[in-house]
């Protein structure tokens, strides 16, 4: 449970940095509390997408991993961010990623920041 909480906080922080850096990734809300709640819920959706969908896509794209020496990971991360944006819309969460190019940059930012936060935040496996 602690590991799930740490990953959700890391995802929320990483998504928050991407929202802050890129004007085409938006999170809207009436007030700061509503925005924070929306960010946590989007981080949960992003976590579910990464746990359920991403391994399947990685398995299907394995030949492309070999062919591109792993650079296809940027495209897969962008697709996971776009899927999260689409699901957030379906769940009436005010999170939007506008375009594939923005999703690629956002996916790169989210990956780097989430990795850094996972290094800093405590984990069950210590």
N, C-alpha and C. Protein backbone atom coordinates (compact mmCIF):
# COMPACT_ATOMS: atom_id res chain seq x y z
N UNK A 1 0.82 -1.19 0.00
CA UNK A 1 0.00 0.00 0.00
C UNK A 1 0.86 1.26 0.00
N UNK A 2 1.94 1.21 0.79
CA UNK A 2 2.84 2.37 0.85
C UNK A 2 3.49 2.61 -0.51
N UNK A 3 3.85 1.53 -1.19
CA UNK A 3 4.46 1.64 -2.52
C UNK A 3 3.48 2.28 -3.51
N UNK A 4 2.22 1.91 -3.45
CA UNK A 4 1.18 2.48 -4.33
C UNK A 4 1.03 3.97 -4.06
N UNK A 5 1.04 4.36 -2.80
CA UNK A 5 0.92 5.76 -2.42
C UNK A 5 2.12 6.57 -2.92
N UNK A 6 3.31 6.01 -2.77
CA UNK A 6 4.53 6.69 -3.23
C UNK A 6 4.50 6.87 -4.75
N UNK A 7 4.09 5.84 -5.47
CA UNK A 7 4.03 5.94 -6.93
C UNK A 7 2.98 6.95 -7.37
N UNK A 8 1.86 7.02 -6.68
CA UNK A 8 0.82 7.98 -7.03
C UNK A 8 1.31 9.41 -6.78
N UNK A 9 1.99 9.63 -5.66
CA UNK A 9 2.53 10.95 -5.36
C UNK A 9 3.59 11.34 -6.39
N UNK A 10 4.44 10.39 -6.77
CA UNK A 10 5.46 10.65 -7.78
C UNK A 10 4.82 10.98 -9.12
N UNK A 11 3.80 10.23 -9.51
CA UNK A 11 3.10 10.52 -10.76
C UNK A 11 2.43 11.88 -10.72
N UNK A 12 1.81 12.22 -9.60
CA UNK A 12 1.15 13.52 -9.47
C UNK A 12 2.18 14.65 -9.58
N UNK A 13 3.31 14.48 -8.92
CA UNK A 13 4.35 15.49 -9.01
C UNK A 13 4.90 15.64 -10.43
N UNK A 14 5.11 14.51 -11.08
CA UNK A 14 5.63 14.53 -12.45
C UNK A 14 4.62 15.15 -13.41
N UNK A 15 3.36 14.80 -13.26
CA UNK A 15 2.33 15.41 -14.10
C UNK A 15 2.21 16.91 -13.82
N UNK A 16 2.35 17.29 -12.55
CA UNK A 16 2.31 18.70 -12.19
C UNK A 16 3.42 19.49 -12.85
N UNK A 17 4.62 18.92 -12.90
CA UNK A 17 5.75 19.59 -13.55
C UNK A 17 5.48 19.72 -15.05
N UNK A 18 4.95 18.67 -15.66
CA UNK A 18 4.64 18.72 -17.10
C UNK A 18 3.58 19.78 -17.38
N UNK A 19 2.57 19.88 -16.53
CA UNK A 19 1.53 20.90 -16.69
C UNK A 19 2.13 22.29 -16.55
N UNK A 20 3.04 22.43 -15.61
CA UNK A 20 3.68 23.73 -15.36
C UNK A 20 4.58 24.15 -16.52
N UNK A 21 5.30 23.19 -17.13
CA UNK A 21 6.26 23.51 -18.18
C UNK A 21 5.64 23.65 -19.57
N UNK A 22 4.59 22.91 -19.85
CA UNK A 22 4.02 22.89 -21.20
C UNK A 22 2.63 23.51 -21.19
N UNK A 23 2.46 24.55 -22.02
CA UNK A 23 1.18 25.26 -22.02
C UNK A 23 0.05 24.44 -22.65
N UNK A 24 0.39 23.43 -23.44
CA UNK A 24 -0.65 22.62 -24.10
C UNK A 24 -1.09 21.42 -23.28
N UNK A 25 -0.55 21.26 -22.08
CA UNK A 25 -1.07 20.28 -21.13
C UNK A 25 -1.75 21.11 -20.05
N UNK A 26 -3.06 20.95 -19.94
CA UNK A 26 -3.82 21.83 -19.05
C UNK A 26 -4.57 21.03 -17.99
N UNK A 27 -4.69 21.65 -16.84
CA UNK A 27 -5.47 21.14 -15.72
C UNK A 27 -6.22 22.33 -15.17
N UNK A 28 -7.53 22.28 -15.22
CA UNK A 28 -8.32 23.42 -14.77
C UNK A 28 -9.18 23.01 -13.60
N UNK A 29 -9.57 23.99 -12.85
CA UNK A 29 -10.45 23.75 -11.70
C UNK A 29 -10.88 25.07 -11.11
N UNK A 30 -11.89 25.02 -10.26
CA UNK A 30 -12.44 26.23 -9.65
C UNK A 30 -11.45 26.89 -8.70
N UNK A 31 -10.73 26.07 -7.94
CA UNK A 31 -9.77 26.60 -6.97
C UNK A 31 -8.58 25.64 -6.86
N UNK A 32 -7.63 26.01 -6.03
CA UNK A 32 -6.42 25.21 -5.90
C UNK A 32 -6.71 23.83 -5.32
N UNK A 33 -7.62 23.75 -4.38
CA UNK A 33 -7.98 22.45 -3.80
C UNK A 33 -8.58 21.51 -4.83
N UNK A 34 -9.44 22.04 -5.68
CA UNK A 34 -10.07 21.24 -6.74
C UNK A 34 -9.02 20.79 -7.75
N UNK A 35 -8.08 21.68 -8.07
CA UNK A 35 -7.01 21.32 -9.00
C UNK A 35 -6.12 20.24 -8.41
N UNK A 36 -5.81 20.34 -7.12
CA UNK A 36 -4.97 19.32 -6.47
C UNK A 36 -5.68 17.96 -6.47
N UNK A 37 -6.96 17.96 -6.17
CA UNK A 37 -7.74 16.72 -6.19
C UNK A 37 -7.78 16.13 -7.60
N UNK A 38 -8.00 16.98 -8.58
CA UNK A 38 -8.01 16.52 -9.98
C UNK A 38 -6.65 15.95 -10.36
N UNK A 39 -5.58 16.60 -9.94
CA UNK A 39 -4.23 16.10 -10.24
C UNK A 39 -4.00 14.73 -9.63
N UNK A 40 -4.43 14.51 -8.40
CA UNK A 40 -4.29 13.20 -7.75
C UNK A 40 -5.11 12.15 -8.49
N UNK A 41 -6.34 12.50 -8.89
CA UNK A 41 -7.17 11.55 -9.62
C UNK A 41 -6.58 11.22 -11.00
N UNK A 42 -6.04 12.23 -11.67
CA UNK A 42 -5.38 12.00 -12.96
C UNK A 42 -4.15 11.13 -12.76
N UNK A 43 -3.41 11.34 -11.68
CA UNK A 43 -2.24 10.51 -11.38
C UNK A 43 -2.66 9.05 -11.16
N UNK A 44 -3.80 8.84 -10.52
CA UNK A 44 -4.31 7.47 -10.34
C UNK A 44 -4.67 6.85 -11.68
N UNK A 45 -5.34 7.60 -12.54
CA UNK A 45 -5.68 7.10 -13.88
C UNK A 45 -4.40 6.79 -14.66
N UNK A 46 -3.41 7.68 -14.58
CA UNK A 46 -2.14 7.48 -15.27
C UNK A 46 -1.45 6.23 -14.75
N UNK A 47 -1.51 6.01 -13.44
CA UNK A 47 -0.92 4.80 -12.86
C UNK A 47 -1.60 3.53 -13.35
N UNK A 48 -2.92 3.56 -13.42
CA UNK A 48 -3.66 2.39 -13.91
C UNK A 48 -3.33 2.13 -15.38
N UNK A 49 -3.26 3.19 -16.17
CA UNK A 49 -2.90 3.04 -17.60
C UNK A 49 -1.51 2.42 -17.73
N UNK A 50 -0.57 2.89 -16.91
CA UNK A 50 0.79 2.36 -16.98
C UNK A 50 0.90 0.93 -16.49
N UNK A 51 0.05 0.53 -15.56
CA UNK A 51 0.09 -0.84 -15.06
C UNK A 51 -0.64 -1.81 -15.99
N UNK A 52 -1.75 -1.39 -16.56
CA UNK A 52 -2.59 -2.29 -17.35
C UNK A 52 -2.24 -2.27 -18.84
N UNK A 53 -2.19 -1.09 -19.43
CA UNK A 53 -2.06 -0.98 -20.89
C UNK A 53 -0.61 -0.99 -21.36
N UNK A 54 0.27 -0.29 -20.66
CA UNK A 54 1.64 -0.12 -21.13
C UNK A 54 2.39 -1.45 -21.33
N UNK A 55 2.29 -2.42 -20.42
CA UNK A 55 3.00 -3.69 -20.67
C UNK A 55 2.52 -4.41 -21.94
N UNK A 56 1.24 -4.32 -22.23
CA UNK A 56 0.71 -4.96 -23.44
C UNK A 56 1.26 -4.27 -24.68
N UNK A 57 1.27 -2.94 -24.67
CA UNK A 57 1.81 -2.19 -25.81
C UNK A 57 3.29 -2.45 -25.98
N UNK A 58 4.03 -2.52 -24.87
CA UNK A 58 5.47 -2.80 -24.95
C UNK A 58 5.73 -4.19 -25.54
N UNK A 59 4.92 -5.16 -25.15
CA UNK A 59 5.08 -6.51 -25.68
C UNK A 59 4.82 -6.54 -27.18
N UNK A 60 3.75 -5.88 -27.60
CA UNK A 60 3.42 -5.85 -29.02
C UNK A 60 4.44 -5.06 -29.84
N UNK A 61 5.07 -4.06 -29.21
CA UNK A 61 6.03 -3.22 -29.92
C UNK A 61 7.47 -3.69 -29.73
N UNK A 62 7.67 -4.89 -29.20
CA UNK A 62 9.02 -5.37 -28.93
C UNK A 62 9.95 -5.32 -30.14
N UNK A 63 9.50 -5.72 -31.32
CA UNK A 63 10.39 -5.60 -32.48
C UNK A 63 10.82 -4.15 -32.75
N UNK A 64 9.92 -3.21 -32.48
CA UNK A 64 10.27 -1.80 -32.67
C UNK A 64 11.28 -1.32 -31.62
N UNK A 65 11.23 -1.91 -30.41
CA UNK A 65 12.24 -1.59 -29.39
C UNK A 65 13.63 -1.96 -29.91
N UNK A 66 13.72 -3.13 -30.49
CA UNK A 66 15.01 -3.58 -31.02
C UNK A 66 15.43 -2.73 -32.21
N UNK A 67 14.52 -2.48 -33.11
CA UNK A 67 14.82 -1.71 -34.33
C UNK A 67 15.22 -0.27 -34.02
N UNK A 68 14.57 0.36 -33.05
CA UNK A 68 14.86 1.77 -32.74
C UNK A 68 15.78 1.93 -31.55
N UNK A 69 16.33 0.84 -31.05
CA UNK A 69 17.21 0.87 -29.88
C UNK A 69 16.54 1.52 -28.67
N UNK A 70 15.27 1.29 -28.52
CA UNK A 70 14.52 1.76 -27.36
C UNK A 70 13.87 3.12 -27.50
N UNK A 71 14.11 3.82 -28.60
CA UNK A 71 13.52 5.16 -28.75
C UNK A 71 12.00 5.12 -28.90
N UNK A 72 11.46 3.98 -29.24
CA UNK A 72 10.01 3.85 -29.34
C UNK A 72 9.35 4.08 -27.98
N UNK A 73 10.14 3.99 -26.92
CA UNK A 73 9.63 4.26 -25.57
C UNK A 73 9.04 5.67 -25.48
N UNK A 74 9.65 6.63 -26.16
CA UNK A 74 9.12 8.00 -26.15
C UNK A 74 7.71 8.03 -26.76
N UNK A 75 7.52 7.30 -27.83
CA UNK A 75 6.21 7.25 -28.48
C UNK A 75 5.20 6.54 -27.57
N UNK A 76 5.61 5.45 -26.94
CA UNK A 76 4.71 4.71 -26.06
C UNK A 76 4.32 5.57 -24.86
N UNK A 77 5.28 6.29 -24.28
CA UNK A 77 4.96 7.18 -23.16
C UNK A 77 4.00 8.29 -23.59
N UNK A 78 4.19 8.81 -24.80
CA UNK A 78 3.27 9.83 -25.33
C UNK A 78 1.87 9.25 -25.49
N UNK A 79 1.78 8.04 -26.01
CA UNK A 79 0.47 7.40 -26.19
C UNK A 79 -0.21 7.15 -24.85
N UNK A 80 0.56 6.79 -23.82
CA UNK A 80 -0.02 6.57 -22.49
C UNK A 80 -0.54 7.89 -21.91
N UNK A 81 0.17 8.98 -22.18
CA UNK A 81 -0.28 10.29 -21.71
C UNK A 81 -1.55 10.73 -22.46
N UNK A 82 -1.59 10.47 -23.77
CA UNK A 82 -2.80 10.79 -24.54
C UNK A 82 -3.98 9.93 -24.09
N UNK A 83 -3.74 8.66 -23.80
CA UNK A 83 -4.80 7.78 -23.31
C UNK A 83 -5.31 8.27 -21.95
N UNK A 84 -4.39 8.71 -21.10
CA UNK A 84 -4.79 9.26 -19.81
C UNK A 84 -5.64 10.50 -19.99
N UNK A 85 -5.27 11.36 -20.93
CA UNK A 85 -6.06 12.56 -21.23
C UNK A 85 -7.45 12.19 -21.71
N UNK A 86 -7.54 11.20 -22.59
CA UNK A 86 -8.84 10.76 -23.10
C UNK A 86 -9.70 10.18 -21.98
N UNK A 87 -9.10 9.33 -21.14
CA UNK A 87 -9.85 8.74 -20.03
C UNK A 87 -10.27 9.80 -19.03
N UNK A 88 -9.41 10.79 -18.80
CA UNK A 88 -9.77 11.88 -17.89
C UNK A 88 -10.99 12.63 -18.42
N UNK A 89 -11.05 12.83 -19.72
CA UNK A 89 -12.22 13.46 -20.32
C UNK A 89 -13.47 12.64 -20.11
N UNK A 90 -13.35 11.32 -20.26
CA UNK A 90 -14.50 10.43 -20.06
C UNK A 90 -14.95 10.41 -18.60
N UNK A 91 -13.98 10.62 -17.67
CA UNK A 91 -14.29 10.62 -16.24
C UNK A 91 -14.63 12.02 -15.74
N UNK A 92 -14.75 12.98 -16.65
CA UNK A 92 -15.08 14.36 -16.33
C UNK A 92 -14.03 15.03 -15.44
N UNK A 93 -12.77 14.68 -15.68
CA UNK A 93 -11.65 15.35 -15.01
C UNK A 93 -11.10 16.37 -15.98
N UNK A 94 -10.77 17.53 -15.49
CA UNK A 94 -10.36 18.63 -16.37
C UNK A 94 -8.86 18.60 -16.65
N UNK A 95 -8.42 17.55 -17.34
CA UNK A 95 -7.02 17.38 -17.73
C UNK A 95 -7.00 17.14 -19.23
N UNK A 96 -6.14 17.89 -19.95
CA UNK A 96 -6.12 17.76 -21.40
C UNK A 96 -4.70 17.88 -21.92
N UNK A 97 -4.35 16.99 -22.84
CA UNK A 97 -3.08 17.05 -23.56
C UNK A 97 -3.44 17.36 -25.01
N UNK A 98 -2.93 18.48 -25.52
CA UNK A 98 -3.30 18.95 -26.85
C UNK A 98 -2.23 18.60 -27.87
N UNK A 99 -2.37 17.45 -28.52
CA UNK A 99 -1.48 17.09 -29.62
C UNK A 99 -0.42 16.06 -29.26
N UNK A 100 0.03 15.37 -30.30
CA UNK A 100 1.01 14.30 -30.11
C UNK A 100 2.39 14.84 -29.75
N UNK A 101 2.79 15.95 -30.36
CA UNK A 101 4.09 16.55 -30.04
C UNK A 101 4.18 16.96 -28.59
N UNK A 102 3.12 17.55 -28.10
CA UNK A 102 3.05 17.92 -26.68
C UNK A 102 3.10 16.67 -25.81
N UNK A 103 2.43 15.61 -26.25
CA UNK A 103 2.42 14.36 -25.48
C UNK A 103 3.82 13.75 -25.42
N UNK A 104 4.60 13.85 -26.51
CA UNK A 104 5.97 13.33 -26.51
C UNK A 104 6.81 14.09 -25.49
N UNK A 105 6.76 15.43 -25.55
CA UNK A 105 7.51 16.23 -24.58
C UNK A 105 7.01 15.99 -23.16
N UNK A 106 5.70 15.92 -23.00
CA UNK A 106 5.13 15.66 -21.69
C UNK A 106 5.52 14.30 -21.15
N UNK A 107 5.51 13.29 -22.01
CA UNK A 107 5.92 11.95 -21.61
C UNK A 107 7.38 11.91 -21.17
N UNK A 108 8.22 12.65 -21.88
CA UNK A 108 9.63 12.73 -21.51
C UNK A 108 9.80 13.41 -20.15
N UNK A 109 9.11 14.52 -19.96
CA UNK A 109 9.17 15.23 -18.68
C UNK A 109 8.65 14.36 -17.55
N UNK A 110 7.50 13.74 -17.76
CA UNK A 110 6.90 12.89 -16.72
C UNK A 110 7.84 11.74 -16.38
N UNK A 111 8.46 11.12 -17.36
CA UNK A 111 9.37 10.00 -17.10
C UNK A 111 10.57 10.44 -16.27
N UNK A 112 11.18 11.56 -16.63
CA UNK A 112 12.37 12.04 -15.91
C UNK A 112 12.02 12.45 -14.49
N UNK A 113 10.95 13.23 -14.33
CA UNK A 113 10.57 13.71 -13.00
C UNK A 113 10.10 12.56 -12.12
N UNK A 114 9.32 11.64 -12.66
CA UNK A 114 8.86 10.49 -11.88
C UNK A 114 10.04 9.63 -11.43
N UNK A 115 11.01 9.43 -12.31
CA UNK A 115 12.21 8.67 -11.93
C UNK A 115 12.93 9.37 -10.77
N UNK A 116 13.11 10.69 -10.89
CA UNK A 116 13.81 11.44 -9.83
C UNK A 116 13.04 11.37 -8.52
N UNK A 117 11.72 11.48 -8.58
CA UNK A 117 10.93 11.41 -7.36
C UNK A 117 10.94 10.01 -6.75
N UNK A 118 10.97 8.97 -7.58
CA UNK A 118 11.07 7.60 -7.05
C UNK A 118 12.39 7.38 -6.34
N UNK A 119 13.44 8.06 -6.80
CA UNK A 119 14.75 7.95 -6.15
C UNK A 119 14.71 8.63 -4.79
N UNK A 120 14.03 9.78 -4.70
CA UNK A 120 14.01 10.57 -3.47
C UNK A 120 13.00 10.06 -2.45
N UNK A 121 11.81 9.67 -2.91
CA UNK A 121 10.75 9.24 -1.98
C UNK A 121 11.03 7.86 -1.41
N UNK A 122 10.60 7.61 -0.18
CA UNK A 122 10.81 6.29 0.42
C UNK A 122 9.97 5.22 -0.27
N UNK A 123 10.42 3.98 -0.13
CA UNK A 123 9.75 2.87 -0.79
C UNK A 123 9.73 1.66 0.15
N UNK A 124 8.79 0.74 -0.05
CA UNK A 124 8.71 -0.47 0.77
C UNK A 124 9.93 -1.37 0.60
N UNK A 125 10.59 -1.27 -0.51
CA UNK A 125 11.67 -2.21 -0.83
C UNK A 125 13.01 -1.79 -0.24
N UNK A 126 13.05 -0.76 0.61
CA UNK A 126 14.30 -0.33 1.24
C UNK A 126 14.74 -1.30 2.30
